[in-house]
Structures are given as C-alpha cells and as structure tokens.
C-alpha cells in the first residue's frame, strides 16, 4: 500500500496519473488521503489480455516457422506481412487472427497422422537403420544358413517319394546340409536332428539305429530341420503328404503360420499372435473317410524365440489365444513361428522311444560318478555344445555302449531328453514353420522361399 500526505512533494493529480499509468486506481479519499488498491482496473485487465493474446500469436507463428508449417515452395525469410502488401494495421491484425485460427486444425491433423502411423518411424529412422547395420555380420550368417535350408529342402522334395527309407532320407538330408554349409564343428552345421514325425506324431521323432520305417503314400510327414552358422539358427519345417485328401489340413496350417508372421513384429503381444493363429487355423475343416473334422491348433505346442546356440530362447509364442498376454516381441530378436494343426484332440503327450537330446543351456559343473558319463559329456561339449543331437549322431562319431552314460547325464540334469510328442492315434498332424528376425526398422522372414 502506498500512502500520500500533506508533506509530499508530489501533487495529488500527478499521483493519480502515475497510478493510472501502471493500471491502478485510487479508492475514495479519507481525510485528504488517497487509499490506493493494488488490484488492476478493468481497462488494465483488457490491455493485459490483449498483450497476452498478441504474445501467444507471435509465439504460435514462430513455432510454426520452426516446425516447418510454412506452405511448400515459399521462402521463410521473405516479408509476407500484410503491411508489405499494402494492408492497414487494422486489416493486419484481423488477418493475423484468421491465420492463427486456421492453423489449429492443421496442427491437430498433423498429430492425428503421427499417432496413426506411430510405427512408421521404424522404417524411416536413419538411427534405426544405423543400428541395424551394426548387426550385419550376424544377419548375414543367418541369411547364409537360411539359403542352405532352402536349397536342401528343394533337393529333398525331389527325392522324397513313397517307399523311401526314413533313415536313408534323414542321413541324405543331413549330409547335404554338412556339404553346403561347410560344416566345421560348432562354427557351422546342423542345428538339431532331422524331425520326420509321421501322422499322429507331431514332433521330435527321428529314426534310431536299426529303424526300418518306410514312408507310405497315405502318411503325413512333418520334415523339420535346422541349420546354423556361429550359433545363429534357422529353424523351419514343412509337411509332406502325397494323398490330396490332406490338402485342407496342410492349407490350414500354412495359412495359420502366415497369419502369425503377419501379426508378429516389434512390440507385438505374444498372446495376440497366438489368437490370430488359432482364428485362422480353426476356420478350416477336412473330410476324412466320410467324417468332417475341424482343424485344431495343438494348444500345448508353441513357437519360440531363438538365441545363439539355444534353439528355445526365453520367450514362447502360443498358437492359441490366452497365453503370454504381457510379453511382447522386441527388436533384435529371432523368432520361430511354428503352428501345428490336428484332426485329433489338439493336445499332445510324450510317447514312443526317445531319439532327441540336448544339453541344458547354462548348466554349471555337475559331479559325475560314471567315467563313461564324463567321457560322453566331453564328446557332447566338443561336437554339439548346447545344440540338440540324437543317437544317430553319436553313432556317427564312433560312440558305442553309451546308453547308461546318457541316462546318467539325464538323471543329473546335464542333458534333457526330448521324446516324441503325439496326439491320439489315428489322427493326423501337419506343421509349417518359419524363422524371422526383427530389425529395428523392419521384419525379415529369413527362411521364406518359393515353396512356402
């Protein structure tokens, strides 16, 4: 509060003028004194509002120029003011008001487009492309492994006929992989044993030594094999059926696999991928021997992420809805989308003689009592590491009488058995699978070929 008295050298009128200049007004005089309030007058409020509005307009126009909202083809440094074009100051303020009003919808539209294309930046960001180039060596090794996979399966399609011995077929496939990929210990070679599961057997079956199984015309065979270079694994599978009556089953599983790949991507929820797969899979039917079967997704089988020298990474990709809702795919990850369609119950269990084994990833030192078990573990470490193997591979290395030692490794948790997985007998299961990599700016299906 400012007080004026008789001794003041400033006259009352001058004091009032000063108050008015700063937007203050005196209250009623009491005993010759003026009681002054600090509250602004109505005219001052209006002036303050006008100044604030003008400041906002100037800031808005400046922000437009910085963010590049000027019309295409115009010179941002040229004088486009209304005064330069002969308009009066009054017209200028009115035009500025209209111009500012018209810019708001444009900015809102820009925000809507940005939100609608929120993932588009991954394809255009130079930074993301630079990050991808840092992984060139790893991706190129995976691409080489994928090319070997494509060439091998193309060759195998030409020799797989009804009547072929399953052991001969698997050994031919594996020898072809070793030759094309220039197998060299753990640096390059076969990623896991050739799966050639028949009919109701969904996965993890390959013939052991002495098996005489022969492929028949009415069989449905899942041919699942993998290649790797420096541990970068390509896992892909397809189904062979000679009888055309199984075509609807194969078409259902192939379409479901493609639907899962389409749904997959950076930040995709794994549960959403499974729901998309099941929706497509179970929209198909197949008629066998006069009975119509709905093709069912096998609910306890799934796809998976792939890590270096680890075929089953830390994430699983369900092929039915409802699982892994909070887990998302991330950039820089390899995934195998594999779907299984069945005419049976859509649920598998372990059955038949085991042929697949795999050393557990990250297992530490485990004391072993059997000398043969220690020796066998050394063979596994040198030749397979944490990649899967089968008994035929041990036979090929010259190992013999290893059953007790292998059982000891399994009992001590060093090696895990992977027995065949089967639906109910009399049913038929088909499988298709692809491996893809999530770049920072795109999704690359490595194992895609002309066949599937």
Protein backbone atom coordinates (compact mmCIF):
# COMPACT_ATOMS: atom_id res chain seq x y z
CA UNK A 1 0.00 0.00 0.00
CA UNK A 2 1.27 3.46 -0.96
CA UNK A 3 0.20 6.43 1.22
CA UNK A 4 0.29 10.22 0.25
CA UNK A 5 0.20 13.02 2.91
CA UNK A 6 0.37 16.82 3.03
CA UNK A 7 4.18 16.88 3.23
CA UNK A 8 4.52 15.02 -0.01
CA UNK A 9 6.14 16.96 -2.84
CA UNK A 10 4.07 15.09 -5.37
CA UNK A 11 0.69 16.61 -6.12
CA UNK A 12 -2.43 14.53 -5.80
CA UNK A 13 -3.25 14.88 -9.51
CA UNK A 14 0.23 13.69 -10.50
CA UNK A 15 -0.10 10.75 -8.13
CA UNK A 16 -3.39 9.77 -9.75
CA UNK A 17 -1.78 9.99 -13.19
CA UNK A 18 1.02 7.71 -12.10
CA UNK A 19 -1.49 5.22 -10.69
CA UNK A 20 -3.42 5.25 -13.93
CA UNK A 21 -0.22 4.73 -15.95
CA UNK A 22 0.51 1.48 -14.11
CA UNK A 23 -3.11 0.34 -14.13
CA UNK A 24 -4.02 1.24 -10.54
CA UNK A 25 -6.88 3.36 -9.34
CA UNK A 26 -7.33 5.22 -6.01
CA UNK A 27 -10.26 4.45 -3.72
CA UNK A 28 -12.29 7.21 -2.10
CA UNK A 29 -10.34 9.90 -0.27
CA UNK A 30 -10.46 9.76 3.52
CA UNK A 31 -9.30 12.83 5.42
CA UNK A 32 -7.44 14.15 2.43
CA UNK A 33 -5.60 10.91 1.83
CA UNK A 34 -5.95 8.56 -1.08
CA UNK A 35 -6.29 4.88 -0.27
CA UNK A 36 -4.75 3.02 -3.22
CA UNK A 37 -5.57 -0.59 -4.13
CA UNK A 38 -3.14 -2.92 -5.85
CA UNK A 39 -5.93 -4.50 -7.96
CA UNK A 40 -5.74 -3.68 -11.66
CA UNK A 41 -8.55 -1.71 -13.25
CA UNK A 42 -10.89 -3.11 -15.90
CA UNK A 43 -9.09 -1.26 -18.65
CA UNK A 44 -5.77 -2.61 -17.41
CA UNK A 45 -7.15 -6.14 -17.46
CA UNK A 46 -8.27 -5.67 -21.05
CA UNK A 47 -4.87 -4.30 -22.03
CA UNK A 48 -3.13 -7.22 -20.30
CA UNK A 49 -5.36 -9.72 -22.12
CA UNK A 50 -4.58 -8.05 -25.46
CA UNK A 51 -0.86 -8.15 -24.75
CA UNK A 52 -1.04 -11.84 -23.71
CA UNK A 53 -3.02 -12.71 -26.84
CA UNK A 54 -0.51 -10.89 -29.02
CA UNK A 55 2.35 -12.74 -27.33
CA UNK A 56 0.62 -16.07 -27.88
CA UNK A 57 0.07 -15.28 -31.54
CA UNK A 58 3.70 -14.29 -32.01
CA UNK A 59 4.88 -17.46 -30.24
CA UNK A 60 2.50 -19.59 -32.29
CA UNK A 61 3.68 -18.12 -35.60
CA UNK A 62 7.32 -18.51 -34.57
CA UNK A 63 6.71 -22.15 -33.61
CA UNK A 64 5.09 -22.80 -36.99
CA UNK A 65 8.16 -21.43 -38.73
CA UNK A 66 10.50 -23.59 -36.63
CA UNK A 67 8.42 -26.76 -37.14
CA UNK A 68 8.16 -26.21 -40.86
CA UNK A 69 4.43 -25.50 -41.30
CA UNK A 70 5.08 -22.87 -43.94
CA UNK A 71 3.44 -23.69 -47.29
CA UNK A 72 5.60 -25.69 -49.69
CA UNK A 73 7.54 -23.58 -52.14
CA UNK A 74 7.52 -20.39 -50.01
CA UNK A 75 10.55 -18.51 -48.75
CA UNK A 76 10.51 -18.39 -44.95
CA UNK A 77 12.81 -15.34 -44.94
CA UNK A 78 10.69 -13.21 -47.30
CA UNK A 79 8.42 -10.47 -45.93
CA UNK A 80 4.86 -11.77 -46.35
CA UNK A 81 3.32 -9.38 -43.82
CA UNK A 82 0.03 -7.63 -44.79
CA UNK A 83 1.71 -4.24 -44.37
CA UNK A 84 4.25 -5.17 -47.04
CA UNK A 85 1.32 -5.92 -49.35
CA UNK A 86 -0.42 -2.59 -48.68
CA UNK A 87 -2.81 -3.54 -45.88
CA UNK A 88 -3.61 -1.19 -42.97
CA UNK A 89 -2.66 -2.11 -39.38
CA UNK A 90 -6.29 -2.86 -38.56
CA UNK A 91 -6.53 -5.22 -41.53
CA UNK A 92 -3.22 -6.74 -40.49
CA UNK A 93 -4.43 -7.72 -37.01
CA UNK A 94 -7.62 -9.21 -38.43
CA UNK A 95 -5.70 -11.23 -40.99
CA UNK A 96 -3.28 -12.44 -38.31
CA UNK A 97 -6.23 -13.58 -36.18
CA UNK A 98 -7.75 -15.55 -39.07
CA UNK A 99 -4.36 -17.02 -39.99
CA UNK A 100 -3.77 -18.23 -36.44
CA UNK A 101 -7.29 -19.66 -36.20
CA UNK A 102 -6.84 -21.61 -39.43
CA UNK A 103 -3.54 -23.15 -38.28
CA UNK A 104 -5.02 -25.03 -35.30
CA UNK A 105 -6.88 -27.70 -37.32
CA UNK A 106 -3.71 -28.23 -39.36
CA UNK A 107 -1.70 -28.97 -36.23
CA UNK A 108 -4.40 -31.30 -34.89
CA UNK A 109 -4.41 -33.14 -38.22
CA UNK A 110 -0.62 -33.46 -38.03
CA UNK A 111 -0.89 -35.03 -34.57
CA UNK A 112 -3.58 -37.47 -35.74
CA UNK A 113 -1.45 -38.61 -38.67
CA UNK A 114 1.55 -39.05 -36.38
CA UNK A 115 -0.46 -41.20 -33.97
CA UNK A 116 -1.99 -43.28 -36.77
CA UNK A 117 1.45 -44.04 -38.16
CA UNK A 118 3.23 -44.39 -34.79
CA UNK A 119 5.30 -47.34 -36.02
CA UNK A 120 6.15 -45.82 -39.40
CA UNK A 121 9.24 -44.14 -37.93
CA UNK A 122 10.86 -47.56 -37.57
CA UNK A 123 11.02 -47.82 -41.36
CA UNK A 124 12.33 -44.32 -41.98
CA UNK A 125 14.52 -43.54 -38.95
CA UNK A 126 18.15 -43.24 -40.01
CA UNK A 127 19.23 -44.03 -36.47
CA UNK A 128 17.38 -47.34 -36.57
CA UNK A 129 18.97 -48.19 -39.90
CA UNK A 130 22.38 -47.44 -38.42
CA UNK A 131 21.65 -49.79 -35.52
CA UNK A 132 20.67 -52.49 -38.00
CA UNK A 133 23.97 -52.10 -39.87
CA UNK A 134 25.82 -52.90 -36.65
CA UNK A 135 24.27 -56.39 -36.81
CA UNK A 136 25.20 -57.01 -40.45
CA UNK A 137 27.60 -59.86 -39.76
CA UNK A 138 25.15 -61.73 -37.56
CA UNK A 139 22.28 -61.28 -40.00
CA UNK A 140 24.39 -62.28 -42.99
CA UNK A 141 25.38 -65.50 -41.23
CA UNK A 142 21.73 -66.24 -40.52
CA UNK A 143 20.88 -65.49 -44.16
CA UNK A 144 23.56 -67.93 -45.35
CA UNK A 145 22.13 -70.62 -43.07
CA UNK A 146 18.66 -69.86 -44.44
CA UNK A 147 19.86 -70.18 -48.03
CA UNK A 148 21.33 -73.59 -47.24
CA UNK A 149 17.99 -74.58 -45.74
CA UNK A 150 16.14 -73.53 -48.89
CA UNK A 151 18.48 -75.44 -51.21
CA UNK A 152 18.43 -78.58 -49.09
CA UNK A 153 14.66 -78.76 -48.85
CA UNK A 154 14.35 -78.11 -52.58
CA UNK A 155 16.65 -81.07 -53.23
CA UNK A 156 14.85 -83.28 -50.70
CA UNK A 157 11.48 -82.66 -52.31
CA UNK A 158 12.87 -84.19 -55.49
CA UNK A 159 13.87 -87.46 -53.79
CA UNK A 160 11.16 -87.92 -51.16
CA UNK A 161 8.77 -90.48 -52.61
CA UNK A 162 6.52 -93.18 -51.17
CA UNK A 163 8.66 -96.16 -50.24
CA UNK A 164 11.77 -94.24 -49.21
CA UNK A 165 13.52 -95.50 -46.08
CA UNK A 166 13.30 -92.88 -43.33
CA UNK A 167 16.85 -93.43 -42.08
CA UNK A 168 18.26 -93.06 -45.59
CA UNK A 169 16.17 -89.91 -46.12
CA UNK A 170 17.41 -88.28 -42.89
CA UNK A 171 21.05 -89.15 -43.49
CA UNK A 172 20.84 -87.82 -47.06
CA UNK A 173 19.38 -84.56 -45.82
CA UNK A 174 21.96 -84.16 -43.08
CA UNK A 175 24.90 -84.98 -45.36
CA UNK A 176 23.63 -82.39 -47.85
CA UNK A 177 23.45 -79.75 -45.11
CA UNK A 178 27.01 -80.53 -43.98
CA UNK A 179 28.30 -80.25 -47.52
CA UNK A 180 26.55 -77.00 -48.47
CA UNK A 181 27.18 -75.20 -45.20
CA UNK A 182 30.77 -76.46 -45.00
CA UNK A 183 30.27 -77.94 -41.56
CA UNK A 184 33.05 -77.16 -39.12
CA UNK A 185 32.45 -78.25 -35.55
CA UNK A 186 30.44 -75.67 -33.61
CA UNK A 187 31.10 -72.91 -36.15
CA UNK A 188 28.67 -74.18 -38.79
CA UNK A 189 26.49 -77.20 -39.37
CA UNK A 190 23.24 -78.86 -38.34
CA UNK A 191 21.30 -77.07 -35.62
CA UNK A 192 19.26 -80.08 -34.44
CA UNK A 193 18.31 -83.59 -35.60
CA UNK A 194 16.04 -84.01 -38.60
CA UNK A 195 12.48 -84.42 -37.42
CA UNK A 196 10.34 -86.59 -39.71
CA UNK A 197 7.34 -87.27 -37.49
CA UNK A 198 4.51 -89.27 -39.10
CA UNK A 199 0.75 -88.90 -38.86
CA UNK A 200 -0.36 -88.51 -35.20
CA UNK A 201 3.24 -87.84 -34.06
CA UNK A 202 3.63 -84.06 -34.04
CA UNK A 203 7.33 -83.53 -33.32
CA UNK A 204 10.70 -84.86 -32.05
CA UNK A 205 10.79 -88.15 -33.88
CA UNK A 206 13.75 -89.29 -35.96
CA UNK A 207 14.75 -92.92 -36.60
CA UNK A 208 17.26 -94.51 -34.26
CA UNK A 209 19.81 -97.06 -35.45
CA UNK A 210 18.19 -100.12 -36.96
CA UNK A 211 14.80 -98.50 -37.58
CA UNK A 212 13.19 -99.88 -40.77
CA UNK A 213 10.33 -97.39 -41.12
CA UNK A 214 9.34 -96.62 -44.73
CA UNK A 215 7.33 -93.63 -45.89
CA UNK A 216 3.88 -94.57 -47.21
CA UNK A 217 1.54 -92.87 -49.70
CA UNK A 218 -1.08 -92.12 -47.02
CA UNK A 219 1.39 -90.76 -44.47
CA UNK A 220 1.53 -87.14 -43.33
CA UNK A 221 5.18 -86.34 -42.59
CA UNK A 222 6.49 -83.22 -40.85
CA UNK A 223 10.03 -82.51 -42.07
CA UNK A 224 11.66 -80.22 -39.50
CA UNK A 225 15.38 -79.44 -39.66
CA UNK A 226 17.69 -76.57 -38.78
CA UNK A 227 20.95 -75.01 -39.93
CA UNK A 228 23.31 -72.63 -38.18
CA UNK A 229 26.45 -70.55 -38.64
CA UNK A 230 28.22 -69.47 -35.46
CA UNK A 231 25.13 -70.40 -33.47
CA UNK A 232 22.71 -68.25 -35.49
CA UNK A 233 19.97 -70.83 -36.05
CA UNK A 234 17.41 -71.05 -38.83
CA UNK A 235 14.54 -73.33 -37.81
CA UNK A 236 11.99 -74.15 -40.49
CA UNK A 237 9.60 -77.00 -41.23
CA UNK A 238 7.03 -78.13 -43.79
CA UNK A 239 4.65 -81.05 -44.26
CA UNK A 240 4.76 -83.67 -47.00
CA UNK A 241 1.56 -85.51 -47.97
CA UNK A 242 1.16 -87.38 -51.25
CA UNK A 243 -2.59 -88.00 -50.96
CA UNK A 244 -4.52 -84.85 -51.95
CA UNK A 245 -7.23 -85.58 -49.38
CA UNK A 246 -4.91 -84.00 -46.79
CA UNK A 247 -4.64 -80.71 -48.68
CA UNK A 248 -7.20 -78.86 -46.50
CA UNK A 249 -5.15 -79.77 -43.41
CA UNK A 250 -1.92 -78.53 -44.96
CA UNK A 251 -3.59 -75.37 -46.26
CA UNK A 252 -4.98 -74.59 -42.80
CA UNK A 253 -1.61 -74.88 -41.08
CA UNK A 254 0.22 -72.94 -43.76
CA UNK A 255 -2.34 -70.12 -43.61
CA UNK A 256 -2.15 -70.06 -39.80
CA UNK A 257 1.64 -69.79 -39.89
CA UNK A 258 1.43 -66.88 -42.33
CA UNK A 259 -1.19 -65.20 -40.12
CA UNK A 260 1.13 -65.49 -37.14
CA UNK A 261 4.02 -63.99 -39.09
CA UNK A 262 1.82 -61.15 -40.27
CA UNK A 263 0.72 -60.40 -36.70
CA UNK A 264 4.28 -60.55 -35.37
CA UNK A 265 6.53 -57.51 -35.12
CA UNK A 266 8.27 -55.17 -32.71
CA UNK A 267 6.05 -54.59 -29.64
CA UNK A 268 3.54 -57.27 -30.76
CA UNK A 269 1.96 -59.14 -27.85
CA UNK A 270 2.68 -62.86 -27.99
CA UNK A 271 -0.88 -63.58 -26.91
CA UNK A 272 -2.23 -61.61 -29.87
CA UNK A 273 -0.06 -63.68 -32.23
CA UNK A 274 -1.49 -66.88 -30.76
CA UNK A 275 -5.06 -65.61 -31.10
CA UNK A 276 -4.51 -64.75 -34.78
CA UNK A 277 -3.06 -68.20 -35.44
CA UNK A 278 -5.93 -70.04 -33.78
CA UNK A 279 -8.59 -67.95 -35.51
CA UNK A 280 -7.24 -68.83 -38.95
CA UNK A 281 -6.39 -72.46 -38.12
CA UNK A 282 -9.78 -73.38 -36.73
CA UNK A 283 -11.69 -71.80 -39.59
CA UNK A 284 -10.72 -74.83 -41.72
CA UNK A 285 -12.31 -78.25 -41.93
CA UNK A 286 -11.21 -81.52 -43.51
CA UNK A 287 -13.26 -84.55 -44.51
CA UNK A 288 -11.63 -87.94 -43.96
CA UNK A 289 -13.45 -91.23 -44.57
CA UNK A 290 -16.83 -89.54 -44.63
CA UNK A 291 -16.31 -87.65 -41.36
CA UNK A 292 -15.73 -83.91 -41.12
CA UNK A 293 -13.03 -82.74 -38.71
CA UNK A 294 -12.35 -79.23 -37.58
CA UNK A 295 -8.63 -78.47 -37.81
CA UNK A 296 -7.50 -77.72 -34.24
CA UNK A 297 -4.46 -75.83 -33.02
CA UNK A 298 -2.47 -78.04 -30.66
CA UNK A 299 -2.75 -75.97 -27.53
CA UNK A 300 0.32 -77.28 -25.69
CA UNK A 301 2.74 -76.71 -28.57
CA UNK A 302 4.13 -73.30 -29.44
CA UNK A 303 6.72 -71.30 -31.31
CA UNK A 304 9.70 -69.74 -29.58
CA UNK A 305 12.41 -67.14 -29.63
CA UNK A 306 15.87 -68.25 -30.73
CA UNK A 307 19.15 -67.26 -29.09
CA UNK A 308 22.73 -68.02 -30.08
CA UNK A 309 23.30 -71.78 -29.76
CA UNK A 310 19.93 -72.03 -28.00
CA UNK A 311 17.04 -73.25 -30.11
CA UNK A 312 14.44 -72.46 -27.46
CA UNK A 313 15.08 -68.93 -26.18
CA UNK A 314 13.37 -67.25 -23.28
CA UNK A 315 10.03 -66.50 -24.96
CA UNK A 316 7.30 -68.80 -26.23
CA UNK A 317 4.80 -67.94 -28.97
CA UNK A 318 1.47 -69.67 -28.32
CA UNK A 319 -0.69 -70.92 -31.17
CA UNK A 320 -3.94 -70.46 -29.24
CA UNK A 321 -5.39 -67.37 -27.62
CA UNK A 322 -4.99 -66.55 -23.96
CA UNK A 323 -1.28 -67.01 -23.32
CA UNK A 324 1.66 -64.64 -22.74
CA UNK A 325 -0.54 -61.54 -22.71
CA UNK A 326 2.00 -59.28 -21.04
CA UNK A 327 5.05 -60.35 -23.05
CA UNK A 328 5.98 -58.53 -26.25
CA UNK A 329 8.37 -59.10 -29.11
CA UNK A 330 11.35 -56.78 -29.16
CA UNK A 331 13.71 -55.53 -31.82
CA UNK A 332 16.88 -57.56 -32.27
CA UNK A 333 15.18 -60.90 -31.58
CA UNK A 334 14.93 -64.07 -33.66
CA UNK A 335 11.63 -65.95 -33.55
CA UNK A 336 10.36 -69.23 -34.96
CA UNK A 337 6.64 -69.19 -35.68
CA UNK A 338 5.57 -72.82 -35.92
CA UNK A 339 1.99 -73.98 -35.99
CA UNK A 340 0.54 -77.45 -35.62
CA UNK A 341 -2.93 -78.37 -36.84
CA UNK A 342 -4.55 -81.66 -35.84
CA UNK A 343 -7.63 -83.69 -36.65
CA UNK A 344 -7.42 -85.24 -33.17
CA UNK A 345 -7.79 -83.75 -29.69
CA UNK A 346 -5.42 -80.86 -30.28
CA UNK A 347 -3.29 -81.90 -27.31
CA UNK A 348 -0.02 -83.89 -27.34
CA UNK A 349 1.73 -86.15 -24.85
CA UNK A 350 5.13 -87.85 -24.72
CA UNK A 351 5.24 -91.30 -26.28
CA UNK A 352 7.48 -93.74 -28.20
CA UNK A 353 11.24 -94.24 -27.93
CA UNK A 354 13.30 -91.10 -27.33
CA UNK A 355 15.78 -90.04 -30.01
CA UNK A 356 16.36 -86.29 -29.37
CA UNK A 357 18.60 -84.96 -26.58
CA UNK A 358 20.00 -81.56 -25.72
CA UNK A 359 22.47 -80.29 -23.14
CA UNK A 360 20.83 -77.80 -20.82
CA UNK A 361 21.82 -74.21 -21.52
CA UNK A 362 23.79 -72.55 -18.73
CA UNK A 363 24.31 -75.70 -16.67
CA UNK A 364 27.32 -75.42 -14.39
CA UNK A 365 29.73 -78.06 -13.16
CA UNK A 366 27.95 -81.22 -12.10
CA UNK A 367 29.96 -84.00 -10.39
CA UNK A 368 29.53 -87.26 -12.29
CA UNK A 369 30.39 -90.64 -10.82
CA UNK A 370 30.50 -92.69 -14.01
CA UNK A 371 33.75 -92.25 -16.00
CA UNK A 372 31.82 -93.07 -19.19
CA UNK A 373 29.39 -90.25 -18.44
CA UNK A 374 32.30 -87.80 -18.10
CA UNK A 375 33.76 -89.01 -21.38
CA UNK A 376 30.41 -88.75 -23.16
CA UNK A 377 29.88 -85.24 -21.82
CA UNK A 378 33.21 -84.23 -23.35
CA UNK A 379 32.09 -85.61 -26.72
CA UNK A 380 28.83 -83.65 -26.46
CA UNK A 381 30.61 -80.41 -25.50
CA UNK A 382 33.09 -80.63 -28.38
CA UNK A 383 30.61 -81.57 -31.09
CA UNK A 384 27.21 -80.16 -30.13
CA UNK A 385 27.59 -77.76 -27.22
CA UNK A 386 24.04 -76.75 -26.32
CA UNK A 387 22.65 -77.71 -29.75
CA UNK A 388 20.31 -80.70 -29.90
CA UNK A 389 21.59 -84.08 -31.05
CA UNK A 390 20.30 -87.61 -31.49
CA UNK A 391 21.61 -91.12 -31.01
CA UNK A 392 22.44 -91.46 -34.72
CA UNK A 393 24.86 -88.53 -34.34
CA UNK A 394 26.66 -90.30 -31.51
CA UNK A 395 26.83 -93.46 -33.62
CA UNK A 396 28.34 -91.43 -36.46
CA UNK A 397 31.08 -90.19 -34.12
CA UNK A 398 32.00 -93.77 -33.25
CA UNK A 399 30.44 -93.85 -29.80
CA UNK A 400 29.13 -97.16 -28.55
CA UNK A 401 27.62 -98.56 -25.36
CA UNK A 402 26.67 -95.07 -24.26
CA UNK A 403 23.09 -95.76 -23.09
CA UNK A 404 23.97 -95.91 -19.37
CA UNK A 405 26.19 -92.83 -19.61
CA UNK A 406 23.48 -90.88 -21.46
CA UNK A 407 20.94 -91.86 -18.82
CA UNK A 408 23.32 -90.68 -16.11
CA UNK A 409 23.67 -87.28 -17.79
CA UNK A 410 19.88 -87.00 -17.98
CA UNK A 411 19.40 -88.06 -14.36
CA UNK A 412 21.92 -85.44 -13.20
CA UNK A 413 20.23 -82.64 -15.14
CA UNK A 414 23.09 -82.07 -17.54
CA UNK A 415 21.20 -83.29 -20.61
CA UNK A 416 17.46 -83.21 -21.24
CA UNK A 417 15.66 -85.91 -23.24
CA UNK A 418 13.14 -84.69 -25.82
CA UNK A 419 10.82 -87.64 -26.53
CA UNK A 420 8.30 -87.68 -29.41
CA UNK A 421 5.12 -85.65 -28.90
CA UNK A 422 1.94 -87.41 -30.04
CA UNK A 423 -1.76 -86.67 -30.42
CA UNK A 424 -4.29 -89.51 -30.25
CA UNK A 425 -3.63 -92.45 -32.55
CA UNK A 426 -5.50 -92.37 -35.83
CA UNK A 427 -5.32 -88.57 -36.08
CA UNK A 428 -3.18 -86.52 -38.45
CA UNK A 429 -0.98 -83.55 -37.59
CA UNK A 430 0.57 -81.04 -40.00
CA UNK A 431 3.24 -78.41 -39.32
CA UNK A 432 4.69 -75.33 -41.00
CA UNK A 433 7.37 -73.11 -39.53
CA UNK A 434 9.45 -70.05 -40.39
CA UNK A 435 12.26 -68.14 -38.70
CA UNK A 436 12.31 -64.34 -38.83
CA UNK A 437 14.40 -61.53 -37.39
CA UNK A 438 13.07 -58.25 -36.00
CA UNK A 439 15.24 -55.43 -37.30
CA UNK A 440 14.86 -52.01 -35.67
CA UNK A 441 13.10 -50.84 -38.85
CA UNK A 442 11.59 -53.99 -40.42
CA UNK A 443 10.75 -57.70 -40.09
CA UNK A 444 12.73 -60.17 -42.20
CA UNK A 445 11.43 -63.72 -42.74
CA UNK A 446 14.75 -65.48 -43.25
CA UNK A 447 13.52 -68.94 -44.22
CA UNK A 448 10.86 -67.82 -46.73
CA UNK A 449 11.17 -69.49 -50.13
CA UNK A 450 9.24 -70.19 -53.30
CA UNK A 451 7.85 -73.40 -51.79
CA UNK A 452 6.29 -71.91 -48.65
